[in-house]
Amino acid sequence: MSVLVDSSIWVEYFRGSAGDGRLDFLIEENLVVVNDLILAELVPALHLRRQLKLISLMREIICPPLAVDWDNLIQMQIACLKHGINKVGIPNLMIAQHAIQNRLELYTRDKHFTLIAQHVPLTLH
């Protein structure tokens, strides 16, 4: 199964602090997926650091189209709020929805996704 790698993992990886080797394995096995939202979070900082080769490599990763189903996203937010999960941003809901729609596992360190996954069919890596 392909794995949508969230920006929280990429930031750790770029800093050299993702030492468990899981992302390296996913990259080697060609299982990594990103989306335009995750790239929009990462690319500006990489650009400012003049990491043009890294930006080019990131853009080569499989990037399924991000099609937002706003009604579904609203329902996810309602489910979160009903269960006391507050302050989940729309970008995180979009990432969760993208993973669900494309049957992707989500690899993240963001605690919001752990909470969301308790109430929607989000599979975490």
Protein backbone atom coordinates (compact mmCIF):
# COMPACT_ATOMS: atom_id res chain seq x y z
CA MET A 1 0.00 0.00 0.00
CA SER A 2 1.26 3.47 -0.85
CA VAL A 3 1.92 5.88 1.98
CA LEU A 4 1.07 9.57 2.02
CA VAL A 5 3.97 11.18 3.87
CA ASP A 6 2.94 14.27 5.81
CA SER A 7 5.11 17.35 6.11
CA SER A 8 5.83 16.58 9.78
CA ILE A 9 7.79 13.50 8.68
CA TRP A 10 9.57 15.31 5.85
CA VAL A 11 10.68 18.13 8.17
CA GLU A 12 12.21 15.60 10.58
CA TYR A 13 13.81 13.77 7.68
CA PHE A 14 15.36 16.93 6.22
CA ARG A 15 16.73 17.82 9.66
CA GLY A 16 18.28 14.36 9.94
CA SER A 17 16.23 13.50 13.02
CA ALA A 18 14.02 10.77 11.50
CA GLY A 19 16.44 8.05 12.51
CA ASP A 20 14.19 4.98 12.51
CA GLY A 21 14.70 4.32 8.78
CA ARG A 22 11.01 3.97 7.93
CA LEU A 23 10.99 6.81 5.41
CA ASP A 24 14.19 5.52 3.80
CA PHE A 25 12.50 2.12 3.40
CA LEU A 26 9.37 3.69 1.87
CA ILE A 27 11.49 5.71 -0.55
CA GLU A 28 13.57 2.68 -1.56
CA GLU A 29 10.41 0.62 -2.14
CA ASN A 30 8.79 3.45 -4.15
CA LEU A 31 5.81 3.57 -1.78
CA VAL A 32 5.90 7.30 -1.02
CA VAL A 33 3.12 9.62 -2.14
CA VAL A 34 2.68 13.35 -1.53
CA ASN A 35 0.03 15.85 -2.50
CA ASP A 36 0.03 19.47 -3.56
CA LEU A 37 -0.90 20.68 -0.08
CA ILE A 38 2.08 18.92 1.50
CA LEU A 39 4.36 20.27 -1.24
CA ALA A 40 2.97 23.76 -0.62
CA GLU A 41 3.98 23.39 3.03
CA LEU A 42 7.51 22.20 2.19
CA VAL A 43 8.70 23.80 -1.03
CA PRO A 44 8.81 27.48 0.07
CA ALA A 45 11.26 26.77 2.91
CA LEU A 46 13.35 24.53 0.63
CA HIS A 47 13.38 27.28 -1.99
CA LEU A 48 14.60 29.87 0.54
CA ARG A 49 17.40 27.47 1.50
CA ARG A 50 18.25 27.07 -2.19
CA GLN A 51 17.56 23.34 -2.09
CA LEU A 52 16.59 23.27 -5.76
CA LYS A 53 17.71 19.67 -6.34
CA LEU A 54 15.63 18.55 -3.36
CA ILE A 55 12.61 20.46 -4.68
CA SER A 56 13.07 18.75 -8.03
CA LEU A 57 13.21 15.34 -6.33
CA MET A 58 10.10 16.10 -4.25
CA ARG A 59 8.20 17.00 -7.42
CA GLU A 60 9.07 13.59 -8.91
CA ILE A 61 7.18 11.76 -6.14
CA ILE A 62 3.77 10.40 -7.10
CA CYS A 63 1.21 13.12 -6.43
CA PRO A 64 -2.41 12.00 -6.85
CA PRO A 65 -4.79 14.88 -7.60
CA LEU A 66 -6.22 16.54 -4.52
CA ALA A 67 -9.99 16.69 -5.00
CA VAL A 68 -11.68 18.18 -1.97
CA ASP A 69 -15.16 16.88 -1.15
CA TRP A 70 -16.28 19.82 0.96
CA ASP A 71 -19.41 18.10 2.30
CA ASN A 72 -17.34 15.13 3.46
CA LEU A 73 -14.75 17.45 4.95
CA ILE A 74 -17.49 19.26 6.89
CA GLN A 75 -18.78 15.90 8.16
CA MET A 76 -15.27 14.97 9.34
CA GLN A 77 -15.01 18.28 11.18
CA ILE A 78 -18.42 17.72 12.80
CA ALA A 79 -17.34 14.22 13.90
CA CYS A 80 -14.18 15.68 15.40
CA LEU A 81 -16.05 18.42 17.25
CA LYS A 82 -18.66 15.94 18.56
CA HIS A 83 -15.83 13.95 20.11
CA GLY A 84 -14.08 16.97 21.62
CA ILE A 85 -11.36 17.15 18.99
CA ASN A 86 -10.93 20.88 18.54
CA LYS A 87 -8.55 23.02 16.53
CA VAL A 88 -8.12 20.59 13.65
CA GLY A 89 -7.26 22.81 10.72
CA ILE A 90 -8.80 22.52 7.29
CA PRO A 91 -5.41 21.56 5.77
CA ASN A 92 -5.20 18.53 8.10
CA LEU A 93 -8.75 17.54 7.22
CA MET A 94 -7.88 17.84 3.52
CA ILE A 95 -4.84 15.60 4.00
CA ALA A 96 -6.91 13.03 5.92
CA GLN A 97 -9.61 13.10 3.25
CA HIS A 98 -7.02 12.71 0.48
CA ALA A 99 -5.55 9.65 2.19
CA ILE A 100 -9.00 8.10 2.67
CA GLN A 101 -10.17 8.83 -0.89
CA ASN A 102 -7.03 7.32 -2.41
CA ARG A 103 -6.78 4.38 0.01
CA LEU A 104 -3.41 5.56 1.27
CA GLU A 105 -1.84 5.06 4.67
CA LEU A 106 -0.84 8.34 6.28
CA TYR A 107 2.61 8.63 7.83
CA THR A 108 2.67 11.57 10.24
CA ARG A 109 3.78 12.77 13.64
CA ASP A 110 0.86 15.20 13.95
CA LYS A 111 -1.30 14.16 16.91
CA HIS A 112 -4.46 15.51 15.24
CA PHE A 113 -4.39 12.65 12.76
CA THR A 114 -4.28 10.06 15.55
CA LEU A 115 -7.40 11.65 17.01
CA ILE A 116 -9.14 11.95 13.64
CA ALA A 117 -8.41 8.28 12.85
CA GLN A 118 -10.48 7.24 15.87
CA HIS A 119 -13.63 8.58 14.19
CA VAL A 120 -13.10 8.26 10.42
CA PRO A 121 -11.64 5.44 8.29
CA LEU A 122 -8.13 6.94 8.19
CA THR A 123 -5.31 4.39 8.22
CA LEU A 124 -2.09 5.53 9.85
CA HIS A 125 1.31 4.09 8.98
